[in-house]
C-alpha atoms as a PDB file:
ATOM      1  CA  MET A   1      15.534   6.087  36.472  1.00  0.00           C
ATOM      2  CA  ALA A   2      12.320   4.086  36.056  1.00  0.00           C
ATOM      3  CA  ARG A   3      10.840   2.406  39.130  1.00  0.00           C
ATOM      4  CA  LEU A   4      11.105  -1.358  38.979  1.00  0.00           C
ATOM      5  CA  ASP A   5       7.485  -1.877  40.003  1.00  0.00           C
ATOM      6  CA  ILE A   6       6.195  -0.259  36.811  1.00  0.00           C
ATOM      7  CA  ASN A   7       5.476  -2.814  34.073  1.00  0.00           C
ATOM      8  CA  ARG A   8       5.976  -0.405  31.204  1.00  0.00           C
ATOM      9  CA  SER A   9       5.846  -3.047  28.469  1.00  0.00           C
ATOM     10  CA  GLY A  10       2.600  -4.388  29.937  1.00  0.00           C
ATOM     11  CA  GLU A  11       1.029  -0.939  29.973  1.00  0.00           C
ATOM     12  CA  LEU A  12       2.180  -0.371  26.409  1.00  0.00           C
ATOM     13  CA  GLU A  13       0.670  -3.671  25.254  1.00  0.00           C
ATOM     14  CA  VAL A  14      -2.669  -2.777  26.862  1.00  0.00           C
ATOM     15  CA  PHE A  15      -2.605   0.671  25.244  1.00  0.00           C
ATOM     16  CA  VAL A  16      -1.823  -0.793  21.801  1.00  0.00           C
ATOM     17  CA  ARG A  17      -4.606  -3.365  22.181  1.00  0.00           C
ATOM     18  CA  VAL A  18      -7.108  -0.586  22.999  1.00  0.00           C
ATOM     19  CA  VAL A  19      -6.071   1.304  19.835  1.00  0.00           C
ATOM     20  CA  GLN A  20      -6.373  -1.793  17.661  1.00  0.00           C
ATOM     21  CA  ALA A  21      -9.642  -3.017  19.214  1.00  0.00           C
ATOM     22  CA  GLY A  22     -11.248   0.437  19.118  1.00  0.00           C
ATOM     23  CA  SER A  23     -12.564   0.475  22.702  1.00  0.00           C
ATOM     24  CA  PHE A  24     -11.689  -0.367  26.295  1.00  0.00           C
ATOM     25  CA  SER A  25     -14.345  -3.084  26.468  1.00  0.00           C
ATOM     26  CA  ALA A  26     -13.199  -4.816  23.260  1.00  0.00           C
ATOM     27  CA  ALA A  27      -9.572  -4.698  24.429  1.00  0.00           C
ATOM     28  CA  ALA A  28     -10.625  -6.121  27.783  1.00  0.00           C
ATOM     29  CA  ARG A  29     -12.303  -9.076  26.053  1.00  0.00           C
ATOM     30  CA  ASP A  30      -9.155  -9.723  23.998  1.00  0.00           C
ATOM     31  CA  LEU A  31      -6.950  -9.512  27.083  1.00  0.00           C
ATOM     32  CA  ARG A  32      -9.413 -11.426  29.299  1.00  0.00           C
ATOM     33  CA  ILE A  33      -9.456  -8.753  31.982  1.00  0.00           C
ATOM     34  CA  THR A  34     -12.153  -6.330  33.094  1.00  0.00           C
ATOM     35  CA  PRO A  35     -12.830  -3.024  31.289  1.00  0.00           C
ATOM     36  CA  SER A  36     -12.163  -1.174  34.548  1.00  0.00           C
ATOM     37  CA  ALA A  37      -8.716  -2.772  34.750  1.00  0.00           C
ATOM     38  CA  VAL A  38      -7.960  -1.617  31.207  1.00  0.00           C
ATOM     39  CA  SER A  39      -9.200   1.887  32.024  1.00  0.00           C
ATOM     40  CA  LYS A  40      -7.044   2.059  35.168  1.00  0.00           C
ATOM     41  CA  LEU A  41      -3.939   0.881  33.310  1.00  0.00           C
ATOM     42  CA  VAL A  42      -4.424   3.496  30.567  1.00  0.00           C
ATOM     43  CA  ALA A  43      -5.120   6.215  33.166  1.00  0.00           C
ATOM     44  CA  ARG A  44      -1.962   5.241  35.052  1.00  0.00           C
ATOM     45  CA  LEU A  45       0.019   5.361  31.802  1.00  0.00           C
ATOM     46  CA  GLU A  46      -1.358   8.814  30.930  1.00  0.00           C
ATOM     47  CA  GLY A  47      -0.564  10.034  34.446  1.00  0.00           C
ATOM     48  CA  ARG A  48       2.996   8.779  34.250  1.00  0.00           C
ATOM     49  CA  LEU A  49       3.508  10.343  30.806  1.00  0.00           C
ATOM     50  CA  GLY A  50       1.750  13.569  31.740  1.00  0.00           C
ATOM     51  CA  SER A  51      -0.206  13.490  28.461  1.00  0.00           C
ATOM     52  CA  ARG A  52      -3.697  12.510  27.399  1.00  0.00           C
ATOM     53  CA  LEU A  53      -3.475   9.683  24.869  1.00  0.00           C
ATOM     54  CA  PHE A  54      -7.160   9.345  23.936  1.00  0.00           C
ATOM     55  CA  ASN A  55     -10.000  11.722  23.137  1.00  0.00           C
ATOM     56  CA  ARG A  56     -12.920  10.079  24.887  1.00  0.00           C
ATOM     57  CA  SER A  57     -16.624  10.487  24.105  1.00  0.00           C
ATOM     58  CA  THR A  58     -19.697   8.355  24.689  1.00  0.00           C
ATOM     59  CA  ARG A  59     -19.585   6.965  21.155  1.00  0.00           C
ATOM     60  CA  GLN A  60     -16.024   7.256  19.955  1.00  0.00           C
ATOM     61  CA  LEU A  61     -12.457   6.729  21.128  1.00  0.00           C
ATOM     62  CA  SER A  62      -9.745   8.464  19.109  1.00  0.00           C
ATOM     63  CA  LEU A  63      -6.047   9.125  19.555  1.00  0.00           C
ATOM     64  CA  THR A  64      -4.650  12.521  20.444  1.00  0.00           C
ATOM     65  CA  HIS A  65      -1.557  13.770  18.645  1.00  0.00           C
ATOM     66  CA  GLU A  66       0.554  12.496  21.555  1.00  0.00           C
ATOM     67  CA  GLY A  67      -1.351   9.195  21.515  1.00  0.00           C
ATOM     68  CA  ARG A  68      -0.673   8.671  17.814  1.00  0.00           C
ATOM     69  CA  ALA A  69       3.058   9.320  18.290  1.00  0.00           C
ATOM     70  CA  TYR A  70       3.175   6.982  21.299  1.00  0.00           C
ATOM     71  CA  TYR A  71       1.303   4.288  19.366  1.00  0.00           C
ATOM     72  CA  GLU A  72       3.566   4.428  16.307  1.00  0.00           C
ATOM     73  CA  ARG A  73       6.748   4.364  18.388  1.00  0.00           C
ATOM     74  CA  GLY A  74       5.300   1.796  20.778  1.00  0.00           C
ATOM     75  CA  MET A  75       4.461  -0.599  17.951  1.00  0.00           C
ATOM     76  CA  GLY A  76       8.118  -0.529  16.949  1.00  0.00           C
ATOM     77  CA  LEU A  77       9.254  -1.166  20.516  1.00  0.00           C
ATOM     78  CA  LEU A  78       6.909  -4.137  20.932  1.00  0.00           C
ATOM     79  CA  ALA A  79       8.023  -5.539  17.577  1.00  0.00           C
ATOM     80  CA  ASP A  80      11.612  -5.041  18.734  1.00  0.00           C
ATOM     81  CA  LEU A  81      10.926  -6.998  21.907  1.00  0.00           C
ATOM     82  CA  ASP A  82       9.125  -9.757  19.985  1.00  0.00           C
ATOM     83  CA  GLU A  83      11.969 -10.065  17.519  1.00  0.00           C
ATOM     84  CA  LEU A  84      14.565 -10.114  20.280  1.00  0.00           C
ATOM     85  CA  GLU A  85      12.812 -13.097  21.843  1.00  0.00           C
ATOM     86  CA  ARG A  86      12.343 -14.832  18.482  1.00  0.00           C
ATOM     87  CA  ASN A  87      15.946 -14.282  17.468  1.00  0.00           C
ATOM     88  CA  VAL A  88      17.287 -15.724  20.693  1.00  0.00           C
ATOM     89  CA  ALA A  89      15.057 -18.754  20.209  1.00  0.00           C
ATOM     90  CA  SER A  90      15.652 -19.188  16.459  1.00  0.00           C
ATOM     91  CA  GLN A  91      19.284 -18.051  16.146  1.00  0.00           C
ATOM     92  CA  ASP A  92      18.451 -15.071  13.945  1.00  0.00           C
ATOM     93  CA  ALA A  93      16.342 -16.947  11.364  1.00  0.00           C
ATOM     94  CA  PRO A  94      13.627 -14.634   9.920  1.00  0.00           C
ATOM     95  CA  ARG A  95      10.394 -15.800  11.512  1.00  0.00           C
ATOM     96  CA  GLY A  96       6.840 -14.535  11.861  1.00  0.00           C
ATOM     97  CA  ARG A  97       4.014 -12.976   9.869  1.00  0.00           C
ATOM     98  CA  VAL A  98       4.632 -10.265   7.270  1.00  0.00           C
ATOM     99  CA  ARG A  99       1.600  -8.339   6.029  1.00  0.00           C
ATOM    100  CA  ILE A 100       2.041  -7.009   2.468  1.00  0.00           C
ATOM    101  CA  ASN A 101      -0.377  -4.573   0.852  1.00  0.00           C
ATOM    102  CA  ALA A 102       0.080  -4.252  -2.925  1.00  0.00           C
ATOM    103  CA  ASN A 103      -1.808  -2.768  -5.833  1.00  0.00           C
ATOM    104  CA  MET A 104      -3.669  -5.247  -8.016  1.00  0.00           C
ATOM    105  CA  ALA A 105      -1.335  -5.125 -11.011  1.00  0.00           C
ATOM    106  CA  PHE A 106       1.836  -5.610  -9.001  1.00  0.00           C
ATOM    107  CA  GLY A 107       0.203  -8.383  -7.017  1.00  0.00           C
ATOM    108  CA  TYR A 108      -0.960 -10.387 -10.029  1.00  0.00           C
ATOM    109  CA  HIS A 109       2.031  -9.806 -12.297  1.00  0.00           C
ATOM    110  CA  TYR A 110       4.933  -9.832  -9.843  1.00  0.00           C
ATOM    111  CA  LEU A 111       4.126 -10.755  -6.249  1.00  0.00           C
ATOM    112  CA  LEU A 112       1.940 -13.848  -6.611  1.00  0.00           C
ATOM    113  CA  PRO A 113       4.273 -15.594  -9.111  1.00  0.00           C
ATOM    114  CA  LEU A 114       7.148 -15.087  -6.641  1.00  0.00           C
ATOM    115  CA  VAL A 115       5.352 -16.504  -3.591  1.00  0.00           C
ATOM    116  CA  PRO A 116       6.557 -20.130  -4.057  1.00  0.00           C
ATOM    117  CA  LEU A 117      10.181 -18.978  -4.274  1.00  0.00           C
ATOM    118  CA  LEU A 118       9.766 -16.599  -1.359  1.00  0.00           C
ATOM    119  CA  ILE A 119       8.365 -19.223   1.018  1.00  0.00           C
ATOM    120  CA  GLU A 120      11.089 -21.639  -0.114  1.00  0.00           C
ATOM    121  CA  HIS A 121      13.709 -18.965   0.596  1.00  0.00           C
ATOM    122  CA  LEU A 122      12.112 -17.881   3.925  1.00  0.00           C
ATOM    123  CA  PRO A 123      10.312 -20.983   5.249  1.00  0.00           C
ATOM    124  CA  GLU A 124       9.626 -19.524   8.717  1.00  0.00           C
ATOM    125  CA  VAL A 125       7.947 -16.386   7.337  1.00  0.00           C
ATOM    126  CA  LYS A 126       4.156 -16.395   6.965  1.00  0.00           C
ATOM    127  CA  LEU A 127       2.679 -14.032   4.368  1.00  0.00           C
ATOM    128  CA  ASP A 128      -0.532 -12.043   4.782  1.00  0.00           C
ATOM    129  CA  LEU A 129      -1.332 -10.556   1.338  1.00  0.00           C
ATOM    130  CA  VAL A 130      -3.844  -7.774   0.679  1.00  0.00           C
ATOM    131  CA  LEU A 131      -4.303  -6.699  -2.965  1.00  0.00           C
ATOM    132  CA  THR A 132      -6.082  -3.393  -3.567  1.00  0.00           C
ATOM    133  CA  ASP A 133      -5.527  -0.205  -5.564  1.00  0.00           C
ATOM    134  CA  GLU A 134      -6.685   1.900  -2.608  1.00  0.00           C
ATOM    135  CA  VAL A 135      -3.949   3.722  -0.668  1.00  0.00           C
ATOM    136  CA  ILE A 136      -4.042   2.471   2.914  1.00  0.00           C
ATOM    137  CA  ASP A 137      -2.764   3.767   6.245  1.00  0.00           C
ATOM    138  CA  VAL A 138       0.312   1.586   6.704  1.00  0.00           C
ATOM    139  CA  VAL A 139       0.519   2.120  10.459  1.00  0.00           C
ATOM    140  CA  GLY A 140      -3.211   2.111  11.161  1.00  0.00           C
ATOM    141  CA  GLN A 141      -3.794  -1.124   9.247  1.00  0.00           C
ATOM    142  CA  ARG A 142      -0.739  -2.824  10.777  1.00  0.00           C
ATOM    143  CA  THR A 143       0.923  -3.338   7.399  1.00  0.00           C
ATOM    144  CA  ASP A 144       4.593  -4.284   7.287  1.00  0.00           C
ATOM    145  CA  ILE A 145       5.208  -3.544   3.583  1.00  0.00           C
ATOM    146  CA  ALA A 146       3.052  -1.584   1.135  1.00  0.00           C
ATOM    147  CA  VAL A 147       3.774  -1.464  -2.603  1.00  0.00           C
ATOM    148  CA  ARG A 148       2.881   1.912  -4.093  1.00  0.00           C
ATOM    149  CA  ALA A 149       3.076   3.224  -7.638  1.00  0.00           C
ATOM    150  CA  GLY A 150       3.517   6.839  -8.626  1.00  0.00           C
ATOM    151  CA  PRO A 151       5.195   9.844  -6.985  1.00  0.00           C
ATOM    152  CA  MET A 152       6.165   9.347  -3.351  1.00  0.00           C
ATOM    153  CA  LYS A 153       4.621  11.826  -0.942  1.00  0.00           C
ATOM    154  CA  SER A 154       6.518  13.142   2.055  1.00  0.00           C
ATOM    155  CA  SER A 155       5.900  10.899   5.066  1.00  0.00           C
ATOM    156  CA  ASN A 156       7.636   9.067   7.876  1.00  0.00           C
ATOM    157  CA  LEU A 157       7.726   5.918   5.727  1.00  0.00           C
ATOM    158  CA  ILE A 158      10.920   4.555   4.183  1.00  0.00           C
ATOM    159  CA  ALA A 159      10.879   3.508   0.512  1.00  0.00           C
ATOM    160  CA  ARG A 160      12.890   1.041  -1.550  1.00  0.00           C
ATOM    161  CA  LYS A 161      12.510   1.221  -5.316  1.00  0.00           C
ATOM    162  CA  LEU A 162      11.308  -1.908  -7.125  1.00  0.00           C
ATOM    163  CA  GLY A 163      11.443  -0.466 -10.649  1.00  0.00           C
ATOM    164  CA  HIS A 164       9.418   1.723 -12.986  1.00  0.00           C
ATOM    165  CA  THR A 165       7.086   1.318 -15.950  1.00  0.00           C
ATOM    166  CA  ARG A 166       5.957   3.472 -18.865  1.00  0.00           C
ATOM    167  CA  MET A 167       2.295   4.269 -19.449  1.00  0.00           C
ATOM    168  CA  VAL A 168       0.378   3.445 -22.627  1.00  0.00           C
ATOM    169  CA  ILE A 169      -3.085   4.241 -24.008  1.00  0.00           C
ATOM    170  CA  VAL A 170      -4.802   1.126 -25.369  1.00  0.00           C
ATOM    171  CA  GLY A 171      -8.066   0.069 -26.958  1.00  0.00           C
ATOM    172  CA  ALA A 172      -9.573  -3.155 -28.258  1.00  0.00           C
ATOM    173  CA  PRO A 173      -9.435  -3.738 -32.041  1.00  0.00           C
ATOM    174  CA  GLY A 174     -13.235  -3.876 -32.226  1.00  0.00           C
ATOM    175  CA  TYR A 175     -13.607  -0.572 -30.398  1.00  0.00           C
ATOM    176  CA  LEU A 176     -11.051   1.122 -32.671  1.00  0.00           C
ATOM    177  CA  GLN A 177     -12.703  -0.262 -35.786  1.00  0.00           C
ATOM    178  CA  LEU A 178     -16.025   1.161 -34.654  1.00  0.00           C
ATOM    179  CA  HIS A 179     -14.835   4.546 -33.336  1.00  0.00           C
ATOM    180  CA  GLY A 180     -11.619   5.124 -35.273  1.00  0.00           C
ATOM    181  CA  ILE A 181      -8.002   5.452 -34.182  1.00  0.00           C
ATOM    182  CA  PRO A 182      -7.354   8.855 -32.539  1.00  0.00           C
ATOM    183  CA  ASP A 183      -4.665  10.828 -34.375  1.00  0.00           C
ATOM    184  CA  GLY A 184      -4.102  13.638 -31.875  1.00  0.00           C
ATOM    185  CA  PRO A 185      -5.106  15.006 -28.462  1.00  0.00           C
ATOM    186  CA  ALA A 186      -8.213  16.721 -29.849  1.00  0.00           C
ATOM    187  CA  ALA A 187      -9.423  13.442 -31.335  1.00  0.00           C
ATOM    188  CA  LEU A 188      -9.515  11.877 -27.858  1.00  0.00           C
ATOM    189  CA  GLN A 189     -12.506  14.024 -27.011  1.00  0.00           C
ATOM    190  CA  ARG A 190     -14.578  11.877 -29.399  1.00  0.00           C
ATOM    191  CA  HIS A 191     -13.654   8.730 -27.484  1.00  0.00           C
ATOM    192  CA  ASN A 192     -14.809   7.123 -24.269  1.00  0.00           C
ATOM    193  CA  LEU A 193     -11.822   7.580 -21.920  1.00  0.00           C
ATOM    194  CA  LEU A 194     -11.911   5.135 -19.020  1.00  0.00           C
ATOM    195  CA  THR A 195     -10.502   6.422 -15.731  1.00  0.00           C
ATOM    196  CA  ALA A 196      -9.946   5.364 -12.141  1.00  0.00           C
ATOM    197  CA  ASN A 197     -12.025   6.657  -9.255  1.00  0.00           C
ATOM    198  CA  TYR A 198      -9.569   6.104  -6.404  1.00  0.00           C
ATOM    199  CA  ALA A 199      -8.028   9.023  -4.535  1.00  0.00           C
ATOM    200  CA  ARG A 200      -4.546   8.931  -6.069  1.00  0.00           C
ATOM    201  CA  ALA A 201      -5.794   8.832  -9.695  1.00  0.00           C
ATOM    202  CA  PHE A 202      -4.373  11.637 -11.826  1.00  0.00           C
ATOM    203  CA  ASN A 203      -6.751  14.268 -13.197  1.00  0.00           C
ATOM    204  CA  GLY A 204      -6.242  13.953 -16.949  1.00  0.00           C
ATOM    205  CA  TRP A 205      -3.868  12.189 -19.324  1.00  0.00           C
ATOM    206  CA  PRO A 206      -0.512  13.846 -20.114  1.00  0.00           C
ATOM    207  CA  LEU A 207       0.364  13.983 -23.821  1.00  0.00           C
ATOM    208  CA  ARG A 208       3.260  15.528 -25.714  1.00  0.00           C
ATOM    209  CA  GLU A 209       2.276  18.153 -28.268  1.00  0.00           C
ATOM    210  CA  GLY A 210       5.307  19.687 -29.938  1.00  0.00           C
ATOM    211  CA  ASP A 211       7.718  20.773 -27.222  1.00  0.00           C
ATOM    212  CA  GLN A 212       5.058  20.870 -24.533  1.00  0.00           C
ATOM    213  CA  VAL A 213       3.287  18.315 -22.368  1.00  0.00           C
ATOM    214  CA  ILE A 214      -0.414  19.016 -22.119  1.00  0.00           C
ATOM    215  CA  LYS A 215      -3.131  17.325 -20.110  1.00  0.00           C
ATOM    216  CA  VAL A 216      -6.254  15.966 -21.757  1.00  0.00           C
ATOM    217  CA  VAL A 217      -9.282  16.071 -19.481  1.00  0.00           C
ATOM    218  CA  THR A 218     -10.854  12.625 -19.200  1.00  0.00           C
ATOM    219  CA  ALA A 219     -14.617  12.426 -18.838  1.00  0.00           C
ATOM    220  CA  GLY A 220     -15.640   8.960 -19.948  1.00  0.00           C
ATOM    221  CA  SER A 221     -18.825   7.101 -19.139  1.00  0.00           C
ATOM    222  CA  VAL A 222     -17.148   4.651 -16.724  1.00  0.00           C
ATOM    223  CA  GLN A 223     -14.822   4.970 -13.768  1.00  0.00           C
ATOM    224  CA  ALA A 224     -13.424   1.948 -11.937  1.00  0.00           C
ATOM    225  CA  SER A 225     -11.770   1.277  -8.597  1.00  0.00           C
ATOM    226  CA  ASP A 226      -8.664  -0.481  -9.895  1.00  0.00           C
ATOM    227  CA  GLY A 227      -6.448  -0.852 -12.949  1.00  0.00           C
ATOM    228  CA  GLU A 228      -7.436  -4.460 -13.583  1.00  0.00           C
ATOM    229  CA  ALA A 229     -11.059  -3.388 -13.957  1.00  0.00           C
ATOM    230  CA  LEU A 230      -9.998  -0.708 -16.463  1.00  0.00           C
ATOM    231  CA  ARG A 231      -8.016  -3.310 -18.408  1.00  0.00           C
ATOM    232  CA  ARG A 232     -11.028  -5.602 -18.621  1.00  0.00           C
ATOM    233  CA  LEU A 233     -13.285  -2.728 -19.678  1.00  0.00           C
ATOM    234  CA  ALA A 234     -10.825  -1.874 -22.456  1.00  0.00           C
ATOM    235  CA  LEU A 235     -10.685  -5.544 -23.504  1.00  0.00           C
ATOM    236  CA  ASN A 236     -14.454  -5.745 -23.882  1.00  0.00           C
ATOM    237  CA  GLY A 237     -14.534  -2.633 -26.068  1.00  0.00           C
ATOM    238  CA  THR A 238     -15.948  -0.103 -23.600  1.00  0.00           C
ATOM    239  CA  GLY A 239     -13.362   2.567 -24.373  1.00  0.00           C
ATOM    240  CA  LEU A 240      -9.714   3.607 -24.196  1.00  0.00           C
ATOM    241  CA  ALA A 241      -7.628   3.207 -21.037  1.00  0.00           C
ATOM    242  CA  ARG A 242      -4.220   4.530 -19.998  1.00  0.00           C
ATOM    243  CA  LEU A 243      -2.441   1.769 -18.108  1.00  0.00           C
ATOM    244  CA  ALA A 244       0.969   0.645 -16.945  1.00  0.00           C
ATOM    245  CA  ALA A 245       2.745  -1.108 -19.814  1.00  0.00           C
ATOM    246  CA  PHE A 246       3.476  -4.275 -17.835  1.00  0.00           C
ATOM    247  CA  ARG A 247      -0.234  -4.712 -17.119  1.00  0.00           C
ATOM    248  CA  VAL A 248      -1.145  -4.940 -20.829  1.00  0.00           C
ATOM    249  CA  ARG A 249       2.094  -6.280 -22.339  1.00  0.00           C
ATOM    250  CA  GLU A 250       0.654  -9.741 -23.062  1.00  0.00           C
ATOM    251  CA  ASP A 251      -2.634  -8.293 -24.368  1.00  0.00           C
ATOM    252  CA  ILE A 252      -0.720  -6.145 -26.868  1.00  0.00           C
ATOM    253  CA  ALA A 253       1.545  -9.022 -27.939  1.00  0.00           C
ATOM    254  CA  GLU A 254      -1.467 -11.264 -28.585  1.00  0.00           C
ATOM    255  CA  GLY A 255      -3.518  -8.565 -30.351  1.00  0.00           C
ATOM    256  CA  ARG A 256      -6.254  -8.208 -27.743  1.00  0.00           C
ATOM    257  CA  LEU A 257      -5.345  -4.553 -27.194  1.00  0.00           C
ATOM    258  CA  VAL A 258      -3.733  -2.013 -29.516  1.00  0.00           C
ATOM    259  CA  PRO A 259      -1.580   0.915 -28.314  1.00  0.00           C
ATOM    260  CA  VAL A 260      -2.658   4.296 -29.677  1.00  0.00           C
ATOM    261  CA  MET A 261      -1.311   7.852 -29.512  1.00  0.00           C
ATOM    262  CA  GLU A 262       2.269   6.571 -29.147  1.00  0.00           C
ATOM    263  CA  ALA A 263       3.579   9.552 -31.126  1.00  0.00           C
ATOM    264  CA  TYR A 264       2.169  11.746 -28.344  1.00  0.00           C
ATOM    265  CA  ASN A 265       3.332   9.588 -25.435  1.00  0.00           C
ATOM    266  CA  PRO A 266       5.316  11.909 -23.117  1.00  0.00           C
ATOM    267  CA  GLY A 267       7.421   8.984 -21.907  1.00  0.00           C
ATOM    268  CA  ASP A 268       6.533   9.555 -18.276  1.00  0.00           C
ATOM    269  CA  LEU A 269       7.465   6.701 -15.976  1.00  0.00           C
ATOM    270  CA  GLU A 270       5.517   5.461 -12.995  1.00  0.00           C
ATOM    271  CA  GLU A 271       7.886   4.379 -10.241  1.00  0.00           C
ATOM    272  CA  VAL A 272       7.054   1.464  -7.967  1.00  0.00           C
ATOM    273  CA  HIS A 273       8.283   1.388  -4.364  1.00  0.00           C
ATOM    274  CA  ALA A 274       8.031  -0.861  -1.352  1.00  0.00           C
ATOM    275  CA  VAL A 275       7.318   1.398   1.632  1.00  0.00           C
ATOM    276  CA  PHE A 276       7.569   0.481   5.276  1.00  0.00           C
ATOM    277  CA  VAL A 277       7.897   1.891   8.782  1.00  0.00           C
ATOM    278  CA  GLY A 278      11.451   2.149  10.053  1.00  0.00           C
ATOM    279  CA  GLN A 279      11.491   3.956  13.364  1.00  0.00           C
ATOM    280  CA  ASP A 280      15.036   5.177  14.120  1.00  0.00           C
ATOM    281  CA  GLY A 281      16.383   2.929  11.373  1.00  0.00           C
ATOM    282  CA  TYR A 282      14.924  -0.203  12.969  1.00  0.00           C
ATOM    283  CA  VAL A 283      13.219  -2.748  10.711  1.00  0.00           C
ATOM    284  CA  PRO A 284      12.215  -6.189  12.074  1.00  0.00           C
ATOM    285  CA  LEU A 285      14.303  -9.034  10.702  1.00  0.00           C
ATOM    286  CA  ARG A 286      11.290 -10.781   9.133  1.00  0.00           C
ATOM    287  CA  VAL A 287      10.320  -7.561   7.288  1.00  0.00           C
ATOM    288  CA  ARG A 288      13.882  -6.786   6.240  1.00  0.00           C
ATOM    289  CA  ALA A 289      14.283 -10.304   4.836  1.00  0.00           C
ATOM    290  CA  VAL A 290      11.138  -9.971   2.688  1.00  0.00           C
ATOM    291  CA  LEU A 291      12.169  -6.494   1.525  1.00  0.00           C
ATOM    292  CA  ASP A 292      15.587  -7.759   0.482  1.00  0.00           C
ATOM    293  CA  PHE A 293      13.933 -10.627  -1.396  1.00  0.00           C
ATOM    294  CA  LEU A 294      11.585  -8.276  -3.271  1.00  0.00           C
ATOM    295  CA  VAL A 295      14.364  -5.860  -4.221  1.00  0.00           C
ATOM    296  CA  GLU A 296      16.472  -8.766  -5.514  1.00  0.00           C
ATOM    297  CA  HIS A 297      13.746 -10.570  -7.482  1.00  0.00           C
ATOM    298  CA  VAL A 298      11.296  -7.857  -8.601  1.00  0.00           C
ATOM    299  CA  HIS A 299      12.243  -5.658 -11.533  1.00  0.00           C
ATOM    300  CA  VAL A 300       9.190  -3.692 -12.643  1.00  0.00           C
ATOM    301  CA  LYS A 301       9.498  -2.384 -16.191  1.00  0.00           C
END
């Protein structure tokens, strides 16, 4: 049984602050105590646990494997304690800040239009929105919900599906008039194929040829960091882009972009999920409320 004179939650909070601040001295400034006090608290914690939590050097402070596990679980415990106090005070009303990381297309087409309804539905929830096509470390960047498109990789994150969308190759009318409309996979090699340069981008475009799905190597003159940039490059006639259908639906309807190679479209779908940390099935009330709202109101197609 734990000794009553050990302030375990206090030690945990100091440890978490060191991880987030990146150093003992920065954590000490945040906590308004001395660096030596922070160092002693962490050393006492490591001694009690019987494990080293940090790899220390003169220039860098990094987590050990045990430190990473303690941090991830500890964040959930502190959130649990915070929510317990909030719930007692607010009678279970969802309250607090929810940090959402979403890719650019989902953010512009689905998330931002829903914000007024969301804050009306959850008035005590404060949103912190980050829109980027880069895949982030959900735990390391203290993100409550991350929206990710494409195949889900094995991880300790929990996912809830928000829908799926087909992919389409598009080009501007002016570009197609100048370079011609491709009539098969081989013809794509004569075109400027615009691709993404972020880590999760697929290497090549899948196309159906007879009973098989082949992959056309893309080697265009421009790569871009997000799908919205590729859309704009396609709009200004730089080349062809393969994009999620919902991203270019209005452009196609209004004639700004033209779908090509539809006879060769393999019909592959890109699934969209909201992923989040749920240690031992626990999800903070504020996060669960936003997740439920997104699942109810977002239908990606």
